[in-house]
PDB file of all heavy atoms in Angstrom:
ATOM      1  N   LEU A   1       9.587   9.099   3.907  1.00  0.00           N
ATOM      2  CA  LEU A   1       8.629   8.452   3.005  1.00  0.00           C
ATOM      3  C   LEU A   1       7.901   7.311   3.729  1.00  0.00           C
ATOM      4  O   LEU A   1       6.679   7.198   3.629  1.00  0.00           O
ATOM      5  CB  LEU A   1       9.346   7.903   1.767  1.00  0.00           C
ATOM      6  CG  LEU A   1       8.500   7.013   0.847  1.00  0.00           C
ATOM      7  CD1 LEU A   1       7.366   7.808   0.213  1.00  0.00           C
ATOM      8  CD2 LEU A   1       9.370   6.355  -0.197  1.00  0.00           C
ATOM      9  N   VAL A   2       8.633   6.504   4.458  1.00  0.00           N
ATOM     10  CA  VAL A   2       8.036   5.358   5.140  1.00  0.00           C
ATOM     11  C   VAL A   2       7.070   5.822   6.232  1.00  0.00           C
ATOM     12  O   VAL A   2       5.989   5.249   6.398  1.00  0.00           O
ATOM     13  CB  VAL A   2       9.131   4.412   5.675  1.00  0.00           C
ATOM     14  CG1 VAL A   2       8.548   3.364   6.599  1.00  0.00           C
ATOM     15  CG2 VAL A   2       9.852   3.755   4.504  1.00  0.00           C
ATOM     16  N   VAL A   3       7.424   6.871   6.942  1.00  0.00           N
ATOM     17  CA  VAL A   3       6.502   7.408   7.958  1.00  0.00           C
ATOM     18  C   VAL A   3       5.241   7.944   7.287  1.00  0.00           C
ATOM     19  O   VAL A   3       4.128   7.689   7.747  1.00  0.00           O
ATOM     20  CB  VAL A   3       7.191   8.489   8.819  1.00  0.00           C
ATOM     21  CG1 VAL A   3       6.170   9.238   9.677  1.00  0.00           C
ATOM     22  CG2 VAL A   3       8.268   7.876   9.696  1.00  0.00           C
ATOM     23  N   GLU A   4       5.392   8.665   6.182  1.00  0.00           N
ATOM     24  CA  GLU A   4       4.222   9.193   5.477  1.00  0.00           C
ATOM     25  C   GLU A   4       3.354   8.058   4.939  1.00  0.00           C
ATOM     26  O   GLU A   4       2.121   8.099   5.032  1.00  0.00           O
ATOM     27  CB  GLU A   4       4.646  10.125   4.340  1.00  0.00           C
ATOM     28  CG  GLU A   4       3.465  10.789   3.676  1.00  0.00           C
ATOM     29  CD  GLU A   4       3.846  11.846   2.646  1.00  0.00           C
ATOM     30  OE1 GLU A   4       5.038  12.100   2.433  1.00  0.00           O
ATOM     31  OE2 GLU A   4       2.906  12.414   2.060  1.00  0.00           O
ATOM     32  N   TYR A   5       3.979   7.035   4.388  1.00  0.00           N
ATOM     33  CA  TYR A   5       3.270   5.858   3.880  1.00  0.00           C
ATOM     34  C   TYR A   5       2.465   5.186   5.002  1.00  0.00           C
ATOM     35  O   TYR A   5       1.278   4.891   4.851  1.00  0.00           O
ATOM     36  CB  TYR A   5       4.300   4.917   3.258  1.00  0.00           C
ATOM     37  CG  TYR A   5       3.981   3.451   3.284  1.00  0.00           C
ATOM     38  CD1 TYR A   5       3.102   2.894   2.355  1.00  0.00           C
ATOM     39  CD2 TYR A   5       4.582   2.596   4.207  1.00  0.00           C
ATOM     40  CE1 TYR A   5       2.826   1.537   2.367  1.00  0.00           C
ATOM     41  CE2 TYR A   5       4.315   1.246   4.221  1.00  0.00           C
ATOM     42  CZ  TYR A   5       3.435   0.715   3.305  1.00  0.00           C
ATOM     43  OH  TYR A   5       3.165  -0.618   3.319  1.00  0.00           O
ATOM     44  N   CYS A   6       3.122   4.967   6.109  1.00  0.00           N
ATOM     45  CA  CYS A   6       2.472   4.302   7.246  1.00  0.00           C
ATOM     46  C   CYS A   6       1.319   5.153   7.787  1.00  0.00           C
ATOM     47  O   CYS A   6       0.239   4.638   8.092  1.00  0.00           O
ATOM     48  CB  CYS A   6       3.515   4.034   8.324  1.00  0.00           C
ATOM     49  SG  CYS A   6       2.964   2.924   9.614  1.00  0.00           S
ATOM     50  N   THR A   7       1.545   6.442   7.877  1.00  0.00           N
ATOM     51  CA  THR A   7       0.517   7.358   8.375  1.00  0.00           C
ATOM     52  C   THR A   7      -0.678   7.417   7.420  1.00  0.00           C
ATOM     53  O   THR A   7      -1.833   7.354   7.853  1.00  0.00           O
ATOM     54  CB  THR A   7       1.110   8.763   8.596  1.00  0.00           C
ATOM     55  OG1 THR A   7       2.188   8.649   9.529  1.00  0.00           O
ATOM     56  CG2 THR A   7       0.074   9.726   9.123  1.00  0.00           C
ATOM     57  N   ALA A   8      -0.414   7.518   6.124  1.00  0.00           N
ATOM     58  CA  ALA A   8      -1.496   7.563   5.133  1.00  0.00           C
ATOM     59  C   ALA A   8      -2.342   6.293   5.198  1.00  0.00           C
ATOM     60  O   ALA A   8      -3.571   6.357   5.160  1.00  0.00           O
ATOM     61  CB  ALA A   8      -0.934   7.759   3.728  1.00  0.00           C
ATOM     62  N   ALA A   9      -1.689   5.142   5.346  1.00  0.00           N
ATOM     63  CA  ALA A   9      -2.430   3.880   5.450  1.00  0.00           C
ATOM     64  C   ALA A   9      -3.294   3.875   6.705  1.00  0.00           C
ATOM     65  O   ALA A   9      -4.465   3.490   6.661  1.00  0.00           O
ATOM     66  CB  ALA A   9      -1.463   2.701   5.462  1.00  0.00           C
ATOM     67  N   GLY A  10      -2.734   4.325   7.817  1.00  0.00           N
ATOM     68  CA  GLY A  10      -3.462   4.336   9.079  1.00  0.00           C
ATOM     69  C   GLY A  10      -4.607   5.329   9.116  1.00  0.00           C
ATOM     70  O   GLY A  10      -5.593   5.129   9.826  1.00  0.00           O
ATOM     71  N   GLU A  11      -4.473   6.405   8.339  1.00  0.00           N
ATOM     72  CA  GLU A  11      -5.530   7.422   8.278  1.00  0.00           C
ATOM     73  C   GLU A  11      -6.520   7.146   7.146  1.00  0.00           C
ATOM     74  O   GLU A  11      -7.392   7.961   6.886  1.00  0.00           O
ATOM     75  CB  GLU A  11      -4.914   8.812   8.113  1.00  0.00           C
ATOM     76  CG  GLU A  11      -4.126   9.244   9.344  1.00  0.00           C
ATOM     77  CD  GLU A  11      -3.413  10.578   9.165  1.00  0.00           C
ATOM     78  OE1 GLU A  11      -3.333  11.105   8.019  1.00  0.00           O
ATOM     79  OE2 GLU A  11      -2.924  11.093  10.174  1.00  0.00           O
ATOM     80  N   ARG A  12      -6.351   6.025   6.473  1.00  0.00           N
ATOM     81  CA  ARG A  12      -7.230   5.615   5.374  1.00  0.00           C
ATOM     82  C   ARG A  12      -7.266   6.646   4.243  1.00  0.00           C
ATOM     83  O   ARG A  12      -8.290   6.832   3.595  1.00  0.00           O
ATOM     84  CB  ARG A  12      -8.632   5.283   5.904  1.00  0.00           C
ATOM     85  CG  ARG A  12      -8.612   4.131   6.898  1.00  0.00           C
ATOM     86  CD  ARG A  12      -9.948   3.808   7.519  1.00  0.00           C
ATOM     87  NE  ARG A  12     -10.689   4.935   8.055  1.00  0.00           N
ATOM     88  CZ  ARG A  12     -10.470   5.492   9.247  1.00  0.00           C
ATOM     89  NH1 ARG A  12      -9.516   5.044  10.016  1.00  0.00           N
ATOM     90  NH2 ARG A  12     -11.204   6.501   9.663  1.00  0.00           N
ATOM     91  N   ARG A  13      -6.128   7.288   3.992  1.00  0.00           N
ATOM     92  CA  ARG A  13      -5.994   8.220   2.869  1.00  0.00           C
ATOM     93  C   ARG A  13      -5.431   7.429   1.687  1.00  0.00           C
ATOM     94  O   ARG A  13      -4.259   7.526   1.347  1.00  0.00           O
ATOM     95  CB  ARG A  13      -5.089   9.398   3.247  1.00  0.00           C
ATOM     96  CG  ARG A  13      -5.721  10.308   4.287  1.00  0.00           C
ATOM     97  CD  ARG A  13      -4.877  11.540   4.595  1.00  0.00           C
ATOM     98  NE  ARG A  13      -3.652  11.155   5.272  1.00  0.00           N
ATOM     99  CZ  ARG A  13      -2.422  11.496   4.863  1.00  0.00           C
ATOM    100  NH1 ARG A  13      -2.235  12.215   3.786  1.00  0.00           N
ATOM    101  NH2 ARG A  13      -1.359  11.102   5.547  1.00  0.00           N
ATOM    102  N   TYR A  14      -6.292   6.630   1.066  1.00  0.00           N
ATOM    103  CA  TYR A  14      -5.858   5.686   0.058  1.00  0.00           C
ATOM    104  C   TYR A  14      -5.377   6.353  -1.224  1.00  0.00           C
ATOM    105  O   TYR A  14      -4.482   5.806  -1.889  1.00  0.00           O
ATOM    106  CB  TYR A  14      -6.965   4.675  -0.226  1.00  0.00           C
ATOM    107  CG  TYR A  14      -7.421   3.984   1.037  1.00  0.00           C
ATOM    108  CD1 TYR A  14      -8.730   4.085   1.474  1.00  0.00           C
ATOM    109  CD2 TYR A  14      -6.517   3.269   1.822  1.00  0.00           C
ATOM    110  CE1 TYR A  14      -9.141   3.464   2.641  1.00  0.00           C
ATOM    111  CE2 TYR A  14      -6.926   2.657   2.993  1.00  0.00           C
ATOM    112  CZ  TYR A  14      -8.238   2.755   3.395  1.00  0.00           C
ATOM    113  OH  TYR A  14      -8.636   2.156   4.564  1.00  0.00           O
ATOM    114  N   ASP A  15      -5.918   7.507  -1.569  1.00  0.00           N
ATOM    115  CA  ASP A  15      -5.413   8.228  -2.744  1.00  0.00           C
ATOM    116  C   ASP A  15      -3.964   8.636  -2.531  1.00  0.00           C
ATOM    117  O   ASP A  15      -3.129   8.479  -3.419  1.00  0.00           O
ATOM    118  CB  ASP A  15      -6.273   9.458  -3.056  1.00  0.00           C
ATOM    119  CG  ASP A  15      -7.641   9.094  -3.597  1.00  0.00           C
ATOM    120  OD1 ASP A  15      -7.818   7.932  -4.039  1.00  0.00           O
ATOM    121  OD2 ASP A  15      -8.533   9.958  -3.585  1.00  0.00           O
ATOM    122  N   ARG A  16      -3.662   9.156  -1.336  1.00  0.00           N
ATOM    123  CA  ARG A  16      -2.282   9.536  -1.032  1.00  0.00           C
ATOM    124  C   ARG A  16      -1.393   8.302  -0.968  1.00  0.00           C
ATOM    125  O   ARG A  16      -0.270   8.317  -1.467  1.00  0.00           O
ATOM    126  CB  ARG A  16      -2.209  10.315   0.288  1.00  0.00           C
ATOM    127  CG  ARG A  16      -0.812  10.715   0.680  1.00  0.00           C
ATOM    128  CD  ARG A  16      -0.204  11.656  -0.357  1.00  0.00           C
ATOM    129  NE  ARG A  16       1.147  12.005  -0.002  1.00  0.00           N
ATOM    130  CZ  ARG A  16       2.129  12.151  -0.885  1.00  0.00           C
ATOM    131  NH1 ARG A  16       1.893  11.984  -2.181  1.00  0.00           N
ATOM    132  NH2 ARG A  16       3.340  12.480  -0.498  1.00  0.00           N
ATOM    133  N   LEU A  17      -1.891   7.241  -0.373  1.00  0.00           N
ATOM    134  CA  LEU A  17      -1.129   6.004  -0.289  1.00  0.00           C
ATOM    135  C   LEU A  17      -0.754   5.518  -1.688  1.00  0.00           C
ATOM    136  O   LEU A  17       0.393   5.124  -1.928  1.00  0.00           O
ATOM    137  CB  LEU A  17      -1.939   4.944   0.455  1.00  0.00           C
ATOM    138  CG  LEU A  17      -1.258   3.630   0.764  1.00  0.00           C
ATOM    139  CD1 LEU A  17      -0.027   3.828   1.641  1.00  0.00           C
ATOM    140  CD2 LEU A  17      -2.240   2.683   1.433  1.00  0.00           C
ATOM    141  N   ALA A  18      -1.687   5.566  -2.611  1.00  0.00           N
ATOM    142  CA  ALA A  18      -1.421   5.136  -3.989  1.00  0.00           C
ATOM    143  C   ALA A  18      -0.321   5.979  -4.631  1.00  0.00           C
ATOM    144  O   ALA A  18       0.469   5.464  -5.432  1.00  0.00           O
ATOM    145  CB  ALA A  18      -2.703   5.206  -4.817  1.00  0.00           C
ATOM    146  N   GLU A  19      -0.255   7.255  -4.295  1.00  0.00           N
ATOM    147  CA  GLU A  19       0.809   8.121  -4.827  1.00  0.00           C
ATOM    148  C   GLU A  19       2.179   7.735  -4.287  1.00  0.00           C
ATOM    149  O   GLU A  19       3.193   7.959  -4.947  1.00  0.00           O
ATOM    150  CB  GLU A  19       0.530   9.582  -4.470  1.00  0.00           C
ATOM    151  CG  GLU A  19      -0.694  10.161  -5.136  1.00  0.00           C
ATOM    152  CD  GLU A  19      -1.074  11.525  -4.582  1.00  0.00           C
ATOM    153  OE1 GLU A  19      -0.435  12.009  -3.617  1.00  0.00           O
ATOM    154  OE2 GLU A  19      -2.029  12.116  -5.117  1.00  0.00           O
ATOM    155  N   LEU A  20       2.215   7.165  -3.100  1.00  0.00           N
ATOM    156  CA  LEU A  20       3.477   6.821  -2.450  1.00  0.00           C
ATOM    157  C   LEU A  20       3.998   5.443  -2.842  1.00  0.00           C
ATOM    158  O   LEU A  20       5.147   5.106  -2.548  1.00  0.00           O
ATOM    159  CB  LEU A  20       3.308   6.883  -0.925  1.00  0.00           C
ATOM    160  CG  LEU A  20       2.921   8.240  -0.349  1.00  0.00           C
ATOM    161  CD1 LEU A  20       2.581   8.105   1.131  1.00  0.00           C
ATOM    162  CD2 LEU A  20       4.036   9.247  -0.556  1.00  0.00           C
ATOM    163  N   VAL A  21       3.168   4.647  -3.490  1.00  0.00           N
ATOM    164  CA  VAL A  21       3.513   3.268  -3.838  1.00  0.00           C
ATOM    165  C   VAL A  21       3.903   3.190  -5.315  1.00  0.00           C
ATOM    166  O   VAL A  21       3.210   3.721  -6.183  1.00  0.00           O
ATOM    167  CB  VAL A  21       2.327   2.329  -3.529  1.00  0.00           C
ATOM    168  CG1 VAL A  21       2.603   0.924  -4.010  1.00  0.00           C
ATOM    169  CG2 VAL A  21       2.038   2.331  -2.028  1.00  0.00           C
ATOM    170  N   HIS A  22       5.004   2.529  -5.592  1.00  0.00           N
ATOM    171  CA  HIS A  22       5.495   2.345  -6.956  1.00  0.00           C
ATOM    172  C   HIS A  22       4.490   1.513  -7.755  1.00  0.00           C
ATOM    173  O   HIS A  22       3.885   0.576  -7.209  1.00  0.00           O
ATOM    174  CB  HIS A  22       6.860   1.639  -6.909  1.00  0.00           C
ATOM    175  CG  HIS A  22       7.591   1.669  -8.188  1.00  0.00           C
ATOM    176  ND1 HIS A  22       7.324   0.798  -9.220  1.00  0.00           N
ATOM    177  CD2 HIS A  22       8.577   2.485  -8.624  1.00  0.00           C
ATOM    178  CE1 HIS A  22       8.114   1.068 -10.234  1.00  0.00           C
ATOM    179  NE2 HIS A  22       8.891   2.100  -9.896  1.00  0.00           N
ATOM    180  N   PRO A  23       4.293   1.810  -9.044  1.00  0.00           N
ATOM    181  CA  PRO A  23       3.317   1.055  -9.849  1.00  0.00           C
ATOM    182  C   PRO A  23       3.557  -0.460  -9.859  1.00  0.00           C
ATOM    183  O   PRO A  23       2.618  -1.236  -9.963  1.00  0.00           O
ATOM    184  CB  PRO A  23       3.484   1.630 -11.261  1.00  0.00           C
ATOM    185  CG  PRO A  23       4.058   2.990 -11.053  1.00  0.00           C
ATOM    186  CD  PRO A  23       4.899   2.909  -9.811  1.00  0.00           C
ATOM    187  N   ASP A  24       4.818  -0.875  -9.733  1.00  0.00           N
ATOM    188  CA  ASP A  24       5.156  -2.303  -9.756  1.00  0.00           C
ATOM    189  C   ASP A  24       5.396  -2.874  -8.356  1.00  0.00           C
ATOM    190  O   ASP A  24       6.065  -3.897  -8.202  1.00  0.00           O
ATOM    191  CB  ASP A  24       6.408  -2.528 -10.608  1.00  0.00           C
ATOM    192  CG  ASP A  24       6.214  -2.106 -12.050  1.00  0.00           C
ATOM    193  OD1 ASP A  24       5.090  -2.275 -12.574  1.00  0.00           O
ATOM    194  OD2 ASP A  24       7.161  -1.581 -12.654  1.00  0.00           O
ATOM    195  N   ALA A  25       4.857  -2.246  -7.345  1.00  0.00           N
ATOM    196  CA  ALA A  25       5.122  -2.640  -5.959  1.00  0.00           C
ATOM    197  C   ALA A  25       4.640  -4.056  -5.666  1.00  0.00           C
ATOM    198  O   ALA A  25       3.683  -4.549  -6.272  1.00  0.00           O
ATOM    199  CB  ALA A  25       4.451  -1.658  -5.004  1.00  0.00           C
ATOM    200  N   VAL A  26       5.309  -4.671  -4.686  1.00  0.00           N
ATOM    201  CA  VAL A  26       4.948  -6.008  -4.222  1.00  0.00           C
ATOM    202  C   VAL A  26       4.777  -5.948  -2.712  1.00  0.00           C
ATOM    203  O   VAL A  26       5.610  -5.379  -2.002  1.00  0.00           O
ATOM    204  CB  VAL A  26       6.041  -7.041  -4.576  1.00  0.00           C
ATOM    205  CG1 VAL A  26       5.695  -8.413  -4.016  1.00  0.00           C
ATOM    206  CG2 VAL A  26       6.254  -7.104  -6.076  1.00  0.00           C
ATOM    207  N   PHE A  27       3.672  -6.529  -2.220  1.00  0.00           N
ATOM    208  CA  PHE A  27       3.389  -6.566  -0.794  1.00  0.00           C
ATOM    209  C   PHE A  27       3.261  -8.024  -0.389  1.00  0.00           C
ATOM    210  O   PHE A  27       2.489  -8.775  -0.977  1.00  0.00           O
ATOM    211  CB  PHE A  27       2.078  -5.824  -0.509  1.00  0.00           C
ATOM    212  CG  PHE A  27       1.783  -5.640   0.947  1.00  0.00           C
ATOM    213  CD1 PHE A  27       2.328  -4.577   1.640  1.00  0.00           C
ATOM    214  CD2 PHE A  27       0.953  -6.514   1.618  1.00  0.00           C
ATOM    215  CE1 PHE A  27       2.056  -4.384   2.990  1.00  0.00           C
ATOM    216  CE2 PHE A  27       0.672  -6.343   2.968  1.00  0.00           C
ATOM    217  CZ  PHE A  27       1.232  -5.269   3.647  1.00  0.00           C
ATOM    218  N   GLY A  28       4.030  -8.424   0.628  1.00  0.00           N
ATOM    219  CA  GLY A  28       3.993  -9.814   1.069  1.00  0.00           C
ATOM    220  C   GLY A  28       4.250  -9.920   2.559  1.00  0.00           C
ATOM    221  O   GLY A  28       4.146  -8.946   3.296  1.00  0.00           O
ATOM    222  N   GLY A  29       4.607 -11.101   2.992  1.00  0.00           N
ATOM    223  CA  GLY A  29       4.865 -11.345   4.405  1.00  0.00           C
ATOM    224  C   GLY A  29       3.793 -12.240   4.990  1.00  0.00           C
ATOM    225  O   GLY A  29       3.324 -13.173   4.336  1.00  0.00           O
ATOM    226  N   THR A  30       3.376 -11.935   6.211  1.00  0.00           N
ATOM    227  CA  THR A  30       2.356 -12.746   6.883  1.00  0.00           C
ATOM    228  C   THR A  30       0.962 -12.287   6.460  1.00  0.00           C
ATOM    229  O   THR A  30       0.159 -11.855   7.266  1.00  0.00           O
ATOM    230  CB  THR A  30       2.511 -12.672   8.414  1.00  0.00           C
ATOM    231  OG1 THR A  30       2.568 -11.297   8.791  1.00  0.00           O
ATOM    232  CG2 THR A  30       3.728 -13.390   8.909  1.00  0.00           C
ATOM    233  N   VAL A  31       0.713 -12.378   5.177  1.00  0.00           N
ATOM    234  CA  VAL A  31      -0.572 -11.990   4.602  1.00  0.00           C
ATOM    235  C   VAL A  31      -1.121 -13.182   3.817  1.00  0.00           C
ATOM    236  O   VAL A  31      -0.386 -14.122   3.505  1.00  0.00           O
ATOM    237  CB  VAL A  31      -0.442 -10.742   3.696  1.00  0.00           C
ATOM    238  CG1 VAL A  31      -0.089  -9.522   4.515  1.00  0.00           C
ATOM    239  CG2 VAL A  31       0.589 -10.951   2.597  1.00  0.00           C
ATOM    240  N   LYS A  32      -2.392 -13.124   3.499  1.00  0.00           N
ATOM    241  CA  LYS A  32      -3.066 -14.231   2.812  1.00  0.00           C
ATOM    242  C   LYS A  32      -2.369 -14.589   1.500  1.00  0.00           C
ATOM    243  O   LYS A  32      -2.182 -15.744   1.170  1.00  0.00           O
ATOM    244  CB  LYS A  32      -4.517 -13.845   2.561  1.00  0.00           C
ATOM    245  CG  LYS A  32      -5.400 -14.966   2.118  1.00  0.00           C
ATOM    246  CD  LYS A  32      -6.828 -14.489   2.058  1.00  0.00           C
ATOM    247  CE  LYS A  32      -7.771 -15.637   1.828  1.00  0.00           C
ATOM    248  NZ  LYS A  32      -9.161 -15.198   1.859  1.00  0.00           N
ATOM    249  N   GLY A  33      -2.003 -13.576   0.736  1.00  0.00           N
ATOM    250  CA  GLY A  33      -1.328 -13.787  -0.534  1.00  0.00           C
ATOM    251  C   GLY A  33      -0.553 -12.545  -0.903  1.00  0.00           C
ATOM    252  O   GLY A  33      -0.857 -11.450  -0.433  1.00  0.00           O
ATOM    253  N   GLU A  34       0.441 -12.711  -1.718  1.00  0.00           N
ATOM    254  CA  GLU A  34       1.247 -11.578  -2.155  1.00  0.00           C
ATOM    255  C   GLU A  34       0.431 -10.690  -3.093  1.00  0.00           C
ATOM    256  O   GLU A  34      -0.324 -11.190  -3.925  1.00  0.00           O
ATOM    257  CB  GLU A  34       2.482 -12.101  -2.895  1.00  0.00           C
ATOM    258  CG  GLU A  34       3.709 -11.289  -2.650  1.00  0.00           C
ATOM    259  CD  GLU A  34       4.962 -11.934  -3.201  1.00  0.00           C
ATOM    260  OE1 GLU A  34       5.040 -12.116  -4.442  1.00  0.00           O
ATOM    261  OE2 GLU A  34       5.852 -12.235  -2.401  1.00  0.00           O
ATOM    262  N   ALA A  35       0.589  -9.374  -2.940  1.00  0.00           N
ATOM    263  CA  ALA A  35      -0.105  -8.416  -3.809  1.00  0.00           C
ATOM    264  C   ALA A  35       0.921  -7.819  -4.766  1.00  0.00           C
ATOM    265  O   ALA A  35       2.017  -7.431  -4.347  1.00  0.00           O
ATOM    266  CB  ALA A  35      -0.742  -7.315  -2.978  1.00  0.00           C
ATOM    267  N   HIS A  36       0.574  -7.755  -6.042  1.00  0.00           N
ATOM    268  CA  HIS A  36       1.461  -7.209  -7.069  1.00  0.00           C
ATOM    269  C   HIS A  36       0.797  -6.010  -7.731  1.00  0.00           C
ATOM    270  O   HIS A  36      -0.354  -6.103  -8.160  1.00  0.00           O
ATOM    271  CB  HIS A  36       1.778  -8.268  -8.128  1.00  0.00           C
ATOM    272  CG  HIS A  36       2.540  -9.426  -7.573  1.00  0.00           C
ATOM    273  ND1 HIS A  36       3.909  -9.470  -7.577  1.00  0.00           N
ATOM    274  CD2 HIS A  36       2.119 -10.567  -6.981  1.00  0.00           C
ATOM    275  CE1 HIS A  36       4.310 -10.595  -7.004  1.00  0.00           C
ATOM    276  NE2 HIS A  36       3.235 -11.280  -6.636  1.00  0.00           N
ATOM    277  N   GLY A  37       1.527  -4.907  -7.791  1.00  0.00           N
ATOM    278  CA  GLY A  37       1.022  -3.689  -8.396  1.00  0.00           C
ATOM    279  C   GLY A  37       0.450  -2.747  -7.350  1.00  0.00           C
ATOM    280  O   GLY A  37      -0.007  -3.181  -6.280  1.00  0.00           O
ATOM    281  N   ALA A  38       0.488  -1.468  -7.663  1.00  0.00           N
ATOM    282  CA  ALA A  38       0.063  -0.444  -6.703  1.00  0.00           C
ATOM    283  C   ALA A  38      -1.392  -0.619  -6.270  1.00  0.00           C
ATOM    284  O   ALA A  38      -1.706  -0.495  -5.086  1.00  0.00           O
ATOM    285  CB  ALA A  38       0.285   0.949  -7.292  1.00  0.00           C
ATOM    286  N   GLU A  39      -2.275  -0.917  -7.202  1.00  0.00           N
ATOM    287  CA  GLU A  39      -3.697  -1.024  -6.847  1.00  0.00           C
ATOM    288  C   GLU A  39      -3.938  -2.174  -5.877  1.00  0.00           C
ATOM    289  O   GLU A  39      -4.641  -2.021  -4.874  1.00  0.00           O
ATOM    290  CB  GLU A  39      -4.566  -1.183  -8.095  1.00  0.00           C
ATOM    291  CG  GLU A  39      -6.053  -1.267  -7.796  1.00  0.00           C
ATOM    292  CD  GLU A  39      -6.618  -0.112  -6.981  1.00  0.00           C
ATOM    293  OE1 GLU A  39      -6.175   1.043  -7.157  1.00  0.00           O
ATOM    294  OE2 GLU A  39      -7.518  -0.360  -6.143  1.00  0.00           O
ATOM    295  N   ALA A  40      -3.361  -3.326  -6.147  1.00  0.00           N
ATOM    296  CA  ALA A  40      -3.525  -4.475  -5.253  1.00  0.00           C
ATOM    297  C   ALA A  40      -2.878  -4.202  -3.894  1.00  0.00           C
ATOM    298  O   ALA A  40      -3.416  -4.583  -2.851  1.00  0.00           O
ATOM    299  CB  ALA A  40      -2.921  -5.727  -5.887  1.00  0.00           C
ATOM    300  N   PHE A  41      -1.737  -3.525  -3.922  1.00  0.00           N
ATOM    301  CA  PHE A  41      -1.019  -3.164  -2.699  1.00  0.00           C
ATOM    302  C   PHE A  41      -1.914  -2.303  -1.812  1.00  0.00           C
ATOM    303  O   PHE A  41      -2.116  -2.594  -0.636  1.00  0.00           O
ATOM    304  CB  PHE A  41       0.239  -2.395  -3.121  1.00  0.00           C
ATOM    305  CG  PHE A  41       1.263  -2.176  -2.055  1.00  0.00           C
ATOM    306  CD1 PHE A  41       2.513  -2.757  -2.166  1.00  0.00           C
ATOM    307  CD2 PHE A  41       1.032  -1.340  -0.981  1.00  0.00           C
ATOM    308  CE1 PHE A  41       3.498  -2.536  -1.216  1.00  0.00           C
ATOM    309  CE2 PHE A  41       1.999  -1.107  -0.021  1.00  0.00           C
ATOM    310  CZ  PHE A  41       3.243  -1.712  -0.137  1.00  0.00           C
ATOM    311  N   VAL A  42      -2.477  -1.244  -2.388  1.00  0.00           N
ATOM    312  CA  VAL A  42      -3.331  -0.321  -1.639  1.00  0.00           C
ATOM    313  C   VAL A  42      -4.635  -1.002  -1.231  1.00  0.00           C
ATOM    314  O   VAL A  42      -5.157  -0.751  -0.141  1.00  0.00           O
ATOM    315  CB  VAL A  42      -3.589   0.964  -2.451  1.00  0.00           C
ATOM    316  CG1 VAL A  42      -4.596   1.866  -1.768  1.00  0.00           C
ATOM    317  CG2 VAL A  42      -2.268   1.719  -2.693  1.00  0.00           C
ATOM    318  N   GLN A  43      -5.146  -1.891  -2.055  1.00  0.00           N
ATOM    319  CA  GLN A  43      -6.396  -2.586  -1.735  1.00  0.00           C
ATOM    320  C   GLN A  43      -6.280  -3.372  -0.442  1.00  0.00           C
ATOM    321  O   GLN A  43      -7.252  -3.471   0.323  1.00  0.00           O
ATOM    322  CB  GLN A  43      -6.821  -3.516  -2.882  1.00  0.00           C
ATOM    323  CG  GLN A  43      -8.179  -4.150  -2.670  1.00  0.00           C
ATOM    324  CD  GLN A  43      -9.306  -3.131  -2.547  1.00  0.00           C
ATOM    325  OE1 GLN A  43      -9.375  -2.173  -3.321  1.00  0.00           O
ATOM    326  NE2 GLN A  43     -10.181  -3.311  -1.575  1.00  0.00           N
ATOM    327  N   GLY A  44      -5.120  -3.907  -0.164  1.00  0.00           N
ATOM    328  CA  GLY A  44      -4.921  -4.619   1.095  1.00  0.00           C
ATOM    329  C   GLY A  44      -5.214  -3.738   2.301  1.00  0.00           C
ATOM    330  O   GLY A  44      -5.837  -4.175   3.270  1.00  0.00           O
ATOM    331  N   PHE A  45      -4.796  -2.470   2.221  1.00  0.00           N
ATOM    332  CA  PHE A  45      -5.088  -1.533   3.311  1.00  0.00           C
ATOM    333  C   PHE A  45      -6.559  -1.123   3.307  1.00  0.00           C
ATOM    334  O   PHE A  45      -7.154  -0.942   4.365  1.00  0.00           O
ATOM    335  CB  PHE A  45      -4.178  -0.303   3.219  1.00  0.00           C
ATOM    336  CG  PHE A  45      -2.760  -0.606   3.591  1.00  0.00           C
ATOM    337  CD1 PHE A  45      -1.797  -0.766   2.611  1.00  0.00           C
ATOM    338  CD2 PHE A  45      -2.382  -0.748   4.912  1.00  0.00           C
ATOM    339  CE1 PHE A  45      -0.479  -1.055   2.946  1.00  0.00           C
ATOM    340  CE2 PHE A  45      -1.079  -1.034   5.266  1.00  0.00           C
ATOM    341  CZ  PHE A  45      -0.113  -1.199   4.280  1.00  0.00           C
ATOM    342  N   ARG A  46      -7.147  -0.979   2.123  1.00  0.00           N
ATOM    343  CA  ARG A  46      -8.586  -0.676   2.043  1.00  0.00           C
ATOM    344  C   ARG A  46      -9.402  -1.775   2.718  1.00  0.00           C
ATOM    345  O   ARG A  46     -10.398  -1.492   3.387  1.00  0.00           O
ATOM    346  CB  ARG A  46      -9.019  -0.555   0.583  1.00  0.00           C
ATOM    347  CG  ARG A  46      -8.755   0.759  -0.049  1.00  0.00           C
ATOM    348  CD  ARG A  46      -9.506   0.862  -1.389  1.00  0.00           C
ATOM    349  NE  ARG A  46      -9.058   2.024  -2.104  1.00  0.00           N
ATOM    350  CZ  ARG A  46      -8.187   2.020  -3.108  1.00  0.00           C
ATOM    351  NH1 ARG A  46      -7.682   0.881  -3.549  1.00  0.00           N
ATOM    352  NH2 ARG A  46      -7.831   3.143  -3.690  1.00  0.00           N
TER     353      ARG A  46
END
């Protein structure tokens, strides 16, 4: 799953990426701000 997620993000397949991300997902770390929810999570890669 993680390899597919990483590959989809790198190939800019955002529809597939959204399918792989949980609706309540949280994205953080060395980023401008934490993203909450699948749409915000995927938007970071967009």
